[in-house]
Amino acid sequence: MTDVRRTRKQLGAICCIATALICLVAFPVSAAILPMTGMTTDPSPNPAGGDFVNPYIDNTAILTSYTTSAGTVTDLSHPVSANGIFDSYNSGSGVEVRNTWGVNGTEVDGVDAFLNLDVSVGGNNWGDNNDTSVIDVGSTGVLRAQFFFSQQINAGAAGNGNDFFLIEAGGNDAIDIVPLDASGNPIGNFTLAVNNSTDWGSLGVDYDRQGNAVSPRPDNDLPGLAGVAFDLEDFSGTGTLTGVAGIGISGSSGLDGTIVGVNSQLAPAPEIPEPTSLVLILVGVAALAGPSRRRTR
């Protein structure tokens, strides 16, 4: 009888473990939204000094990594297309966004400001429900800015806080994010909210959105850069979230975003051939086409 009881206890323990494993698979535990604690760029931010108390960015600075409490992420990519009104700011003329300054103070307008990992370009006051809005659902019920990646995402990368990431100037804006399908429609009822006071993490770098070819702003007028990272599992909704082609963002406080990013393992950015490579490709195509033309004669 003792052996029988022992066997029953063992079977009971095995059943409990199996049930727990099934629950973990059926109901995955969502990782928390993670504030960024640091970043690296190429070139590095300008060092503090003179009128600037903190390191600051006023020109091209390509994001090469970011850090959260879960570790450092170097697999970085960006959207390949976007929908929205990304024109120069024009107060009172409709739904528009004021783009920030790029190389040598030259403004980068349109979606090109977001299809890269350049921290120095982006847009100011996008996401609020007024005439400087670009991505608020607003009265029309239309999500006005959508960012699409190079391929659909059906599962997140291993680890926490490394599927998607955002950087903004100020770190004080509340936003709502929805996953989008390939047609730009929200997927089911999945949403994710970024809190304006707890989710953004300071990066310890100031941001001169005027650029170094425009009159520099005093240090006390520069916003600090802040970032947040999150995973596919962080979206709340019914069912299983798959087929994510992009994300849409809305808010009520005017997001000053500079980076909308995705893990390059999930959606690598397309490679752009270098000029010399492009010439070699064209020469090769011409060489292949020559014999074909001679045969047709």
C-alpha atoms as a PDB file:
ATOM      1  CA  MET A   1       0.000   0.000   0.000  1.00  0.00           C
ATOM      2  CA  THR A   2       2.871   2.361   0.750  1.00  0.00           C
ATOM      3  CA  ASP A   3       4.232   1.914  -2.769  1.00  0.00           C
ATOM      4  CA  VAL A   4       0.777   2.511  -4.226  1.00  0.00           C
ATOM      5  CA  ARG A   5       0.382   5.745  -2.250  1.00  0.00           C
ATOM      6  CA  ARG A   6       3.859   6.878  -3.276  1.00  0.00           C
ATOM      7  CA  THR A   7       3.073   6.158  -6.927  1.00  0.00           C
ATOM      8  CA  ARG A   8      -0.198   8.106  -6.671  1.00  0.00           C
ATOM      9  CA  LYS A   9       1.629  11.093  -5.155  1.00  0.00           C
ATOM     10  CA  GLN A  10       4.218  10.979  -7.910  1.00  0.00           C
ATOM     11  CA  LEU A  11       1.528  10.804 -10.577  1.00  0.00           C
ATOM     12  CA  GLY A  12      -0.271  13.731  -8.921  1.00  0.00           C
ATOM     13  CA  ALA A  13       2.901  15.819  -8.908  1.00  0.00           C
ATOM     14  CA  ILE A  14       3.545  14.999 -12.561  1.00  0.00           C
ATOM     15  CA  CYS A  15      -0.024  16.030 -13.450  1.00  0.00           C
ATOM     16  CA  CYS A  16       0.402  19.336 -11.598  1.00  0.00           C
ATOM     17  CA  ILE A  17       3.651  20.085 -13.424  1.00  0.00           C
ATOM     18  CA  ALA A  18       2.122  19.168 -16.778  1.00  0.00           C
ATOM     19  CA  THR A  19      -0.896  21.394 -16.103  1.00  0.00           C
ATOM     20  CA  ALA A  20       1.369  24.297 -15.182  1.00  0.00           C
ATOM     21  CA  LEU A  21       3.369  23.854 -18.380  1.00  0.00           C
ATOM     22  CA  ILE A  22       0.206  23.771 -20.472  1.00  0.00           C
ATOM     23  CA  CYS A  23      -0.981  26.983 -18.823  1.00  0.00           C
ATOM     24  CA  LEU A  24       2.327  28.676 -19.553  1.00  0.00           C
ATOM     25  CA  VAL A  25       2.094  27.693 -23.221  1.00  0.00           C
ATOM     26  CA  ALA A  26      -1.576  28.614 -23.568  1.00  0.00           C
ATOM     27  CA  PHE A  27      -1.271  31.841 -21.605  1.00  0.00           C
ATOM     28  CA  PRO A  28       2.265  33.227 -22.022  1.00  0.00           C
ATOM     29  CA  VAL A  29       3.386  35.625 -19.331  1.00  0.00           C
ATOM     30  CA  SER A  30       3.713  39.124 -20.734  1.00  0.00           C
ATOM     31  CA  ALA A  31       7.037  40.879 -20.223  1.00  0.00           C
ATOM     32  CA  ALA A  32       6.908  44.412 -18.918  1.00  0.00           C
ATOM     33  CA  ILE A  33       7.451  47.499 -21.023  1.00  0.00           C
ATOM     34  CA  LEU A  34      11.051  48.476 -20.339  1.00  0.00           C
ATOM     35  CA  PRO A  35      12.418  52.031 -20.078  1.00  0.00           C
ATOM     36  CA  MET A  36      15.754  52.531 -21.798  1.00  0.00           C
ATOM     37  CA  THR A  37      18.711  53.334 -19.585  1.00  0.00           C
ATOM     38  CA  GLY A  38      21.289  54.148 -22.247  1.00  0.00           C
ATOM     39  CA  MET A  39      22.177  54.137 -25.947  1.00  0.00           C
ATOM     40  CA  THR A  40      25.145  54.356 -28.294  1.00  0.00           C
ATOM     41  CA  THR A  41      25.276  56.227 -31.594  1.00  0.00           C
ATOM     42  CA  ASP A  42      27.693  56.662 -34.477  1.00  0.00           C
ATOM     43  CA  PRO A  43      29.097  59.245 -34.220  1.00  0.00           C
ATOM     44  CA  SER A  44      28.771  59.668 -30.471  1.00  0.00           C
ATOM     45  CA  PRO A  45      26.854  62.655 -29.065  1.00  0.00           C
ATOM     46  CA  ASN A  46      28.740  65.897 -28.682  1.00  0.00           C
ATOM     47  CA  PRO A  47      30.437  66.042 -25.259  1.00  0.00           C
ATOM     48  CA  ALA A  48      29.073  68.336 -22.589  1.00  0.00           C
ATOM     49  CA  GLY A  49      30.755  71.687 -22.305  1.00  0.00           C
ATOM     50  CA  GLY A  50      30.241  75.391 -22.781  1.00  0.00           C
ATOM     51  CA  ASP A  51      26.525  76.106 -22.773  1.00  0.00           C
ATOM     52  CA  PHE A  52      25.701  72.382 -22.655  1.00  0.00           C
ATOM     53  CA  VAL A  53      25.544  70.630 -19.279  1.00  0.00           C
ATOM     54  CA  ASN A  54      24.860  67.196 -20.841  1.00  0.00           C
ATOM     55  CA  PRO A  55      26.104  65.462 -23.990  1.00  0.00           C
ATOM     56  CA  TYR A  56      23.888  66.537 -26.876  1.00  0.00           C
ATOM     57  CA  ILE A  57      22.904  65.640 -30.434  1.00  0.00           C
ATOM     58  CA  ASP A  58      22.576  68.336 -33.080  1.00  0.00           C
ATOM     59  CA  ASN A  59      23.456  66.399 -36.220  1.00  0.00           C
ATOM     60  CA  THR A  60      23.472  62.914 -37.706  1.00  0.00           C
ATOM     61  CA  ALA A  61      23.720  60.213 -35.002  1.00  0.00           C
ATOM     62  CA  ILE A  62      22.903  56.638 -36.057  1.00  0.00           C
ATOM     63  CA  LEU A  63      21.581  54.460 -33.237  1.00  0.00           C
ATOM     64  CA  THR A  64      23.825  51.407 -32.811  1.00  0.00           C
ATOM     65  CA  SER A  65      22.515  49.963 -29.532  1.00  0.00           C
ATOM     66  CA  TYR A  66      20.209  50.614 -26.610  1.00  0.00           C
ATOM     67  CA  THR A  67      20.174  49.277 -23.071  1.00  0.00           C
ATOM     68  CA  THR A  68      17.361  48.355 -20.674  1.00  0.00           C
ATOM     69  CA  SER A  69      17.300  46.493 -17.386  1.00  0.00           C
ATOM     70  CA  ALA A  70      17.197  43.274 -19.452  1.00  0.00           C
ATOM     71  CA  GLY A  71      20.460  44.018 -21.269  1.00  0.00           C
ATOM     72  CA  THR A  72      21.851  45.681 -24.381  1.00  0.00           C
ATOM     73  CA  VAL A  73      20.279  45.219 -27.816  1.00  0.00           C
ATOM     74  CA  THR A  74      22.321  45.652 -31.002  1.00  0.00           C
ATOM     75  CA  ASP A  75      19.965  44.007 -33.523  1.00  0.00           C
ATOM     76  CA  LEU A  76      18.354  47.206 -34.779  1.00  0.00           C
ATOM     77  CA  SER A  77      16.241  47.896 -37.842  1.00  0.00           C
ATOM     78  CA  HIS A  78      13.697  50.499 -38.938  1.00  0.00           C
ATOM     79  CA  PRO A  79      10.479  50.820 -40.952  1.00  0.00           C
ATOM     80  CA  VAL A  80      10.707  50.558 -44.738  1.00  0.00           C
ATOM     81  CA  SER A  81       7.537  52.529 -45.449  1.00  0.00           C
ATOM     82  CA  ALA A  82       5.063  54.731 -43.634  1.00  0.00           C
ATOM     83  CA  ASN A  83       1.689  56.339 -44.170  1.00  0.00           C
ATOM     84  CA  GLY A  84       0.729  59.697 -42.730  1.00  0.00           C
ATOM     85  CA  ILE A  85       1.018  63.412 -43.247  1.00  0.00           C
ATOM     86  CA  PHE A  86       4.668  64.154 -42.553  1.00  0.00           C
ATOM     87  CA  ASP A  87       4.958  67.581 -44.142  1.00  0.00           C
ATOM     88  CA  SER A  88       6.569  70.681 -42.671  1.00  0.00           C
ATOM     89  CA  TYR A  89       4.713  72.192 -39.764  1.00  0.00           C
ATOM     90  CA  ASN A  90       2.209  74.839 -40.802  1.00  0.00           C
ATOM     91  CA  SER A  91       0.121  76.048 -37.887  1.00  0.00           C
ATOM     92  CA  GLY A  92      -3.625  76.014 -38.377  1.00  0.00           C
ATOM     93  CA  SER A  93      -3.597  74.424 -41.830  1.00  0.00           C
ATOM     94  CA  GLY A  94      -4.634  70.905 -40.954  1.00  0.00           C
ATOM     95  CA  VAL A  95      -3.054  67.701 -39.795  1.00  0.00           C
ATOM     96  CA  GLU A  96       0.697  68.129 -40.180  1.00  0.00           C
ATOM     97  CA  VAL A  97       3.926  67.557 -38.305  1.00  0.00           C
ATOM     98  CA  ARG A  98       7.014  69.668 -37.970  1.00  0.00           C
ATOM     99  CA  ASN A  99      10.046  67.579 -38.903  1.00  0.00           C
ATOM    100  CA  THR A 100      13.316  67.969 -37.083  1.00  0.00           C
ATOM    101  CA  TRP A 101      16.698  68.945 -38.463  1.00  0.00           C
ATOM    102  CA  GLY A 102      19.114  66.549 -40.088  1.00  0.00           C
ATOM    103  CA  VAL A 103      22.624  66.903 -41.499  1.00  0.00           C
ATOM    104  CA  ASN A 104      24.012  70.435 -41.224  1.00  0.00           C
ATOM    105  CA  GLY A 105      20.660  71.915 -40.333  1.00  0.00           C
ATOM    106  CA  THR A 106      18.907  70.673 -43.494  1.00  0.00           C
ATOM    107  CA  GLU A 107      15.378  69.674 -42.615  1.00  0.00           C
ATOM    108  CA  VAL A 108      14.345  66.121 -43.489  1.00  0.00           C
ATOM    109  CA  ASP A 109      10.705  66.206 -44.539  1.00  0.00           C
ATOM    110  CA  GLY A 110       8.242  63.455 -45.237  1.00  0.00           C
ATOM    111  CA  VAL A 111       8.405  59.806 -44.253  1.00  0.00           C
ATOM    112  CA  ASP A 112      12.164  59.770 -44.933  1.00  0.00           C
ATOM    113  CA  ALA A 113      12.602  61.263 -41.473  1.00  0.00           C
ATOM    114  CA  PHE A 114      11.383  57.966 -39.969  1.00  0.00           C
ATOM    115  CA  LEU A 115      12.802  55.330 -42.346  1.00  0.00           C
ATOM    116  CA  ASN A 116      16.215  55.239 -40.696  1.00  0.00           C
ATOM    117  CA  LEU A 117      17.987  54.922 -37.350  1.00  0.00           C
ATOM    118  CA  ASP A 118      19.150  58.541 -37.262  1.00  0.00           C
ATOM    119  CA  VAL A 119      18.340  59.923 -33.820  1.00  0.00           C
ATOM    120  CA  SER A 120      18.723  63.492 -35.092  1.00  0.00           C
ATOM    121  CA  VAL A 121      15.667  63.407 -37.376  1.00  0.00           C
ATOM    122  CA  GLY A 122      12.009  62.770 -36.640  1.00  0.00           C
ATOM    123  CA  GLY A 123       8.980  64.884 -35.950  1.00  0.00           C
ATOM    124  CA  ASN A 124       7.675  67.234 -33.274  1.00  0.00           C
ATOM    125  CA  ASN A 125       4.128  67.308 -31.936  1.00  0.00           C
ATOM    126  CA  TRP A 126       2.822  64.210 -33.660  1.00  0.00           C
ATOM    127  CA  GLY A 127       0.082  62.321 -31.924  1.00  0.00           C
ATOM    128  CA  ASP A 128      -2.023  64.993 -30.243  1.00  0.00           C
ATOM    129  CA  ASN A 129      -5.606  65.666 -31.237  1.00  0.00           C
ATOM    130  CA  ASN A 130      -5.196  69.191 -32.642  1.00  0.00           C
ATOM    131  CA  ASP A 131      -3.986  70.820 -35.831  1.00  0.00           C
ATOM    132  CA  THR A 132      -0.391  69.735 -35.276  1.00  0.00           C
ATOM    133  CA  SER A 133      -1.429  66.090 -35.052  1.00  0.00           C
ATOM    134  CA  VAL A 134      -0.207  63.424 -37.394  1.00  0.00           C
ATOM    135  CA  ILE A 135      -1.215  60.121 -35.845  1.00  0.00           C
ATOM    136  CA  ASP A 136      -4.211  60.601 -33.603  1.00  0.00           C
ATOM    137  CA  VAL A 137      -7.284  58.546 -34.375  1.00  0.00           C
ATOM    138  CA  GLY A 138      -9.213  61.796 -34.001  1.00  0.00           C
ATOM    139  CA  SER A 139     -12.775  62.439 -35.048  1.00  0.00           C
ATOM    140  CA  THR A 140     -12.444  60.581 -38.366  1.00  0.00           C
ATOM    141  CA  GLY A 141     -11.558  57.287 -36.703  1.00  0.00           C
ATOM    142  CA  VAL A 142      -8.557  56.868 -39.022  1.00  0.00           C
ATOM    143  CA  LEU A 143      -5.098  56.084 -37.740  1.00  0.00           C
ATOM    144  CA  ARG A 144      -3.065  58.742 -39.492  1.00  0.00           C
ATOM    145  CA  ALA A 145       0.424  57.341 -39.219  1.00  0.00           C
ATOM    146  CA  GLN A 146       1.485  53.782 -39.787  1.00  0.00           C
ATOM    147  CA  PHE A 147       4.977  52.322 -39.875  1.00  0.00           C
ATOM    148  CA  PHE A 148       5.610  49.112 -41.830  1.00  0.00           C
ATOM    149  CA  PHE A 149       8.546  46.726 -41.550  1.00  0.00           C
ATOM    150  CA  SER A 150      10.354  44.634 -44.168  1.00  0.00           C
ATOM    151  CA  GLN A 151       8.427  41.462 -43.328  1.00  0.00           C
ATOM    152  CA  GLN A 152       5.557  40.228 -41.191  1.00  0.00           C
ATOM    153  CA  ILE A 153       6.276  39.210 -37.607  1.00  0.00           C
ATOM    154  CA  ASN A 154       4.626  36.112 -36.143  1.00  0.00           C
ATOM    155  CA  ALA A 155       6.748  35.596 -33.020  1.00  0.00           C
ATOM    156  CA  GLY A 156       9.047  37.785 -30.973  1.00  0.00           C
ATOM    157  CA  ALA A 157      12.795  37.459 -30.477  1.00  0.00           C
ATOM    158  CA  ALA A 158      14.191  35.771 -27.376  1.00  0.00           C
ATOM    159  CA  GLY A 159      14.561  37.986 -24.314  1.00  0.00           C
ATOM    160  CA  ASN A 160      12.688  40.980 -22.976  1.00  0.00           C
ATOM    161  CA  GLY A 161      12.436  44.478 -24.378  1.00  0.00           C
ATOM    162  CA  ASN A 162      13.977  43.797 -27.759  1.00  0.00           C
ATOM    163  CA  ASP A 163      11.185  43.417 -30.342  1.00  0.00           C
ATOM    164  CA  PHE A 164      10.251  47.086 -30.796  1.00  0.00           C
ATOM    165  CA  PHE A 165      11.717  50.364 -29.539  1.00  0.00           C
ATOM    166  CA  LEU A 166      10.930  54.076 -29.621  1.00  0.00           C
ATOM    167  CA  ILE A 167      12.988  57.182 -28.879  1.00  0.00           C
ATOM    168  CA  GLU A 168      11.516  60.637 -28.345  1.00  0.00           C
ATOM    169  CA  ALA A 169      12.567  64.078 -27.204  1.00  0.00           C
ATOM    170  CA  GLY A 170      11.258  64.830 -23.723  1.00  0.00           C
ATOM    171  CA  GLY A 171      10.095  61.404 -22.592  1.00  0.00           C
ATOM    172  CA  ASN A 172       6.844  62.867 -21.302  1.00  0.00           C
ATOM    173  CA  ASP A 173       4.196  61.767 -23.811  1.00  0.00           C
ATOM    174  CA  ALA A 174       1.541  59.092 -23.373  1.00  0.00           C
ATOM    175  CA  ILE A 175       0.806  57.035 -26.486  1.00  0.00           C
ATOM    176  CA  ASP A 176      -1.238  54.045 -27.604  1.00  0.00           C
ATOM    177  CA  ILE A 177       0.215  51.518 -30.053  1.00  0.00           C
ATOM    178  CA  VAL A 178      -1.687  49.003 -32.196  1.00  0.00           C
ATOM    179  CA  PRO A 179      -0.279  46.180 -34.354  1.00  0.00           C
ATOM    180  CA  LEU A 180      -1.167  46.446 -38.048  1.00  0.00           C
ATOM    181  CA  ASP A 181      -1.690  43.853 -40.757  1.00  0.00           C
ATOM    182  CA  ALA A 182      -0.281  44.187 -44.273  1.00  0.00           C
ATOM    183  CA  SER A 183      -3.274  46.309 -45.332  1.00  0.00           C
ATOM    184  CA  GLY A 184      -2.739  48.765 -42.489  1.00  0.00           C
ATOM    185  CA  ASN A 185      -5.703  47.567 -40.452  1.00  0.00           C
ATOM    186  CA  PRO A 186      -5.437  47.111 -36.661  1.00  0.00           C
ATOM    187  CA  ILE A 187      -5.183  43.419 -35.760  1.00  0.00           C
ATOM    188  CA  GLY A 188      -8.112  42.392 -33.579  1.00  0.00           C
ATOM    189  CA  ASN A 189      -8.405  44.394 -30.369  1.00  0.00           C
ATOM    190  CA  PHE A 190      -4.697  44.322 -29.501  1.00  0.00           C
ATOM    191  CA  THR A 191      -3.287  47.505 -27.967  1.00  0.00           C
ATOM    192  CA  LEU A 192      -0.369  48.644 -25.870  1.00  0.00           C
ATOM    193  CA  ALA A 193      -0.203  51.828 -23.793  1.00  0.00           C
ATOM    194  CA  VAL A 194       3.027  53.684 -23.000  1.00  0.00           C
ATOM    195  CA  ASN A 195       2.686  55.762 -19.846  1.00  0.00           C
ATOM    196  CA  ASN A 196       4.136  59.253 -20.007  1.00  0.00           C
ATOM    197  CA  SER A 197       5.602  59.219 -16.500  1.00  0.00           C
ATOM    198  CA  THR A 198       6.812  55.661 -15.868  1.00  0.00           C
ATOM    199  CA  ASP A 199       7.647  53.914 -19.154  1.00  0.00           C
ATOM    200  CA  TRP A 200      10.074  56.321 -20.839  1.00  0.00           C
ATOM    201  CA  GLY A 201      13.668  56.028 -19.660  1.00  0.00           C
ATOM    202  CA  SER A 202      16.120  58.934 -19.777  1.00  0.00           C
ATOM    203  CA  LEU A 203      19.107  58.412 -22.094  1.00  0.00           C
ATOM    204  CA  GLY A 204      21.217  61.162 -20.506  1.00  0.00           C
ATOM    205  CA  VAL A 205      21.558  62.981 -23.839  1.00  0.00           C
ATOM    206  CA  ASP A 206      20.016  66.329 -24.809  1.00  0.00           C
ATOM    207  CA  TYR A 207      18.520  66.998 -28.197  1.00  0.00           C
ATOM    208  CA  ASP A 208      19.008  70.205 -30.166  1.00  0.00           C
ATOM    209  CA  ARG A 209      16.230  69.842 -32.708  1.00  0.00           C
ATOM    210  CA  GLN A 210      17.360  73.033 -34.456  1.00  0.00           C
ATOM    211  CA  GLY A 211      20.616  71.533 -35.718  1.00  0.00           C
ATOM    212  CA  ASN A 212      24.094  72.986 -35.582  1.00  0.00           C
ATOM    213  CA  ALA A 213      23.719  75.093 -38.741  1.00  0.00           C
ATOM    214  CA  VAL A 214      20.862  77.009 -37.180  1.00  0.00           C
ATOM    215  CA  SER A 215      21.292  79.299 -34.193  1.00  0.00           C
ATOM    216  CA  PRO A 216      22.035  77.033 -31.203  1.00  0.00           C
ATOM    217  CA  ARG A 217      19.456  76.944 -28.468  1.00  0.00           C
ATOM    218  CA  PRO A 218      20.402  77.603 -24.849  1.00  0.00           C
ATOM    219  CA  ASP A 219      21.017  74.470 -22.827  1.00  0.00           C
ATOM    220  CA  ASN A 220      17.999  75.003 -20.585  1.00  0.00           C
ATOM    221  CA  ASP A 221      15.783  74.911 -23.690  1.00  0.00           C
ATOM    222  CA  LEU A 222      16.981  71.500 -24.909  1.00  0.00           C
ATOM    223  CA  PRO A 223      14.770  68.461 -24.273  1.00  0.00           C
ATOM    224  CA  GLY A 224      16.385  65.250 -23.084  1.00  0.00           C
ATOM    225  CA  LEU A 225      16.085  62.102 -25.181  1.00  0.00           C
ATOM    226  CA  ALA A 226      14.197  59.145 -23.721  1.00  0.00           C
ATOM    227  CA  GLY A 227      13.436  55.635 -24.945  1.00  0.00           C
ATOM    228  CA  VAL A 228      11.169  52.670 -24.369  1.00  0.00           C
ATOM    229  CA  ALA A 229      11.317  49.046 -25.543  1.00  0.00           C
ATOM    230  CA  PHE A 230       8.617  46.385 -25.653  1.00  0.00           C
ATOM    231  CA  ASP A 231       7.810  42.947 -27.030  1.00  0.00           C
ATOM    232  CA  LEU A 232       5.126  41.351 -29.156  1.00  0.00           C
ATOM    233  CA  GLU A 233       3.836  39.665 -25.995  1.00  0.00           C
ATOM    234  CA  ASP A 234       3.227  43.030 -24.340  1.00  0.00           C
ATOM    235  CA  PHE A 235       0.203  43.774 -26.528  1.00  0.00           C
ATOM    236  CA  SER A 236      -3.071  43.074 -24.737  1.00  0.00           C
ATOM    237  CA  GLY A 237      -5.912  41.531 -26.720  1.00  0.00           C
ATOM    238  CA  THR A 238      -7.996  38.478 -27.475  1.00  0.00           C
ATOM    239  CA  GLY A 239      -6.535  35.498 -29.286  1.00  0.00           C
ATOM    240  CA  THR A 240      -3.066  35.030 -30.759  1.00  0.00           C
ATOM    241  CA  LEU A 241      -1.173  37.960 -32.235  1.00  0.00           C
ATOM    242  CA  THR A 242       0.465  37.024 -35.549  1.00  0.00           C
ATOM    243  CA  GLY A 243       0.999  38.566 -38.956  1.00  0.00           C
ATOM    244  CA  VAL A 244       2.230  41.921 -37.626  1.00  0.00           C
ATOM    245  CA  ALA A 245       3.344  43.986 -40.625  1.00  0.00           C
ATOM    246  CA  GLY A 246       3.758  47.260 -38.740  1.00  0.00           C
ATOM    247  CA  ILE A 247       2.550  49.444 -35.906  1.00  0.00           C
ATOM    248  CA  GLY A 248       0.337  52.497 -35.630  1.00  0.00           C
ATOM    249  CA  ILE A 249       0.683  55.081 -32.881  1.00  0.00           C
ATOM    250  CA  SER A 250      -1.779  57.582 -31.439  1.00  0.00           C
ATOM    251  CA  GLY A 251      -1.759  59.776 -28.372  1.00  0.00           C
ATOM    252  CA  SER A 252      -3.058  62.882 -26.708  1.00  0.00           C
ATOM    253  CA  SER A 253       0.073  64.802 -25.764  1.00  0.00           C
ATOM    254  CA  GLY A 254       2.048  65.347 -28.968  1.00  0.00           C
ATOM    255  CA  LEU A 255       4.793  62.726 -29.309  1.00  0.00           C
ATOM    256  CA  ASP A 256       8.166  64.168 -30.349  1.00  0.00           C
ATOM    257  CA  GLY A 257       9.455  60.956 -31.867  1.00  0.00           C
ATOM    258  CA  THR A 258      12.841  60.469 -33.502  1.00  0.00           C
ATOM    259  CA  ILE A 259      13.068  56.654 -33.801  1.00  0.00           C
ATOM    260  CA  VAL A 260      10.481  53.957 -34.544  1.00  0.00           C
ATOM    261  CA  GLY A 261      12.434  50.696 -34.509  1.00  0.00           C
ATOM    262  CA  VAL A 262      12.188  46.914 -34.730  1.00  0.00           C
ATOM    263  CA  ASN A 263      14.576  44.061 -34.004  1.00  0.00           C
ATOM    264  CA  SER A 264      16.565  43.264 -37.160  1.00  0.00           C
ATOM    265  CA  GLN A 265      16.201  39.520 -36.478  1.00  0.00           C
ATOM    266  CA  LEU A 266      12.446  39.947 -36.950  1.00  0.00           C
ATOM    267  CA  ALA A 267      12.453  42.409 -39.842  1.00  0.00           C
ATOM    268  CA  PRO A 268      15.868  43.206 -41.323  1.00  0.00           C
ATOM    269  CA  ALA A 269      16.242  46.465 -43.185  1.00  0.00           C
ATOM    270  CA  PRO A 270      16.805  45.997 -46.934  1.00  0.00           C
ATOM    271  CA  GLU A 271      20.394  46.438 -48.017  1.00  0.00           C
ATOM    272  CA  ILE A 272      21.106  49.343 -50.365  1.00  0.00           C
ATOM    273  CA  PRO A 273      23.800  48.494 -52.943  1.00  0.00           C
ATOM    274  CA  GLU A 274      26.861  50.716 -52.785  1.00  0.00           C
ATOM    275  CA  PRO A 275      27.558  52.763 -55.943  1.00  0.00           C
ATOM    276  CA  THR A 276      30.465  50.512 -56.996  1.00  0.00           C
ATOM    277  CA  SER A 277      28.333  47.396 -56.486  1.00  0.00           C
ATOM    278  CA  LEU A 278      25.523  48.949 -58.515  1.00  0.00           C
ATOM    279  CA  VAL A 279      27.903  49.663 -61.397  1.00  0.00           C
ATOM    280  CA  LEU A 280      29.143  46.050 -61.365  1.00  0.00           C
ATOM    281  CA  ILE A 281      25.539  44.794 -61.396  1.00  0.00           C
ATOM    282  CA  LEU A 282      24.712  46.966 -64.414  1.00  0.00           C
ATOM    283  CA  VAL A 283      27.857  45.823 -66.230  1.00  0.00           C
ATOM    284  CA  GLY A 284      26.896  42.218 -65.557  1.00  0.00           C
ATOM    285  CA  VAL A 285      23.374  42.719 -66.870  1.00  0.00           C
ATOM    286  CA  ALA A 286      24.738  44.387 -70.021  1.00  0.00           C
ATOM    287  CA  ALA A 287      27.174  41.518 -70.549  1.00  0.00           C
ATOM    288  CA  LEU A 288      24.373  38.964 -70.295  1.00  0.00           C
ATOM    289  CA  ALA A 289      22.151  40.945 -72.628  1.00  0.00           C
ATOM    290  CA  GLY A 290      24.831  41.229 -75.367  1.00  0.00           C
ATOM    291  CA  PRO A 291      24.908  37.563 -76.509  1.00  0.00           C
ATOM    292  CA  SER A 292      21.121  37.465 -76.447  1.00  0.00           C
ATOM    293  CA  ARG A 293      20.927  40.410 -78.869  1.00  0.00           C
ATOM    294  CA  ARG A 294      23.494  38.817 -81.200  1.00  0.00           C
ATOM    295  CA  ARG A 295      21.543  35.539 -81.313  1.00  0.00           C
ATOM    296  CA  THR A 296      18.310  37.308 -82.236  1.00  0.00           C
ATOM    297  CA  ARG A 297      20.037  38.862 -85.267  1.00  0.00           C
END
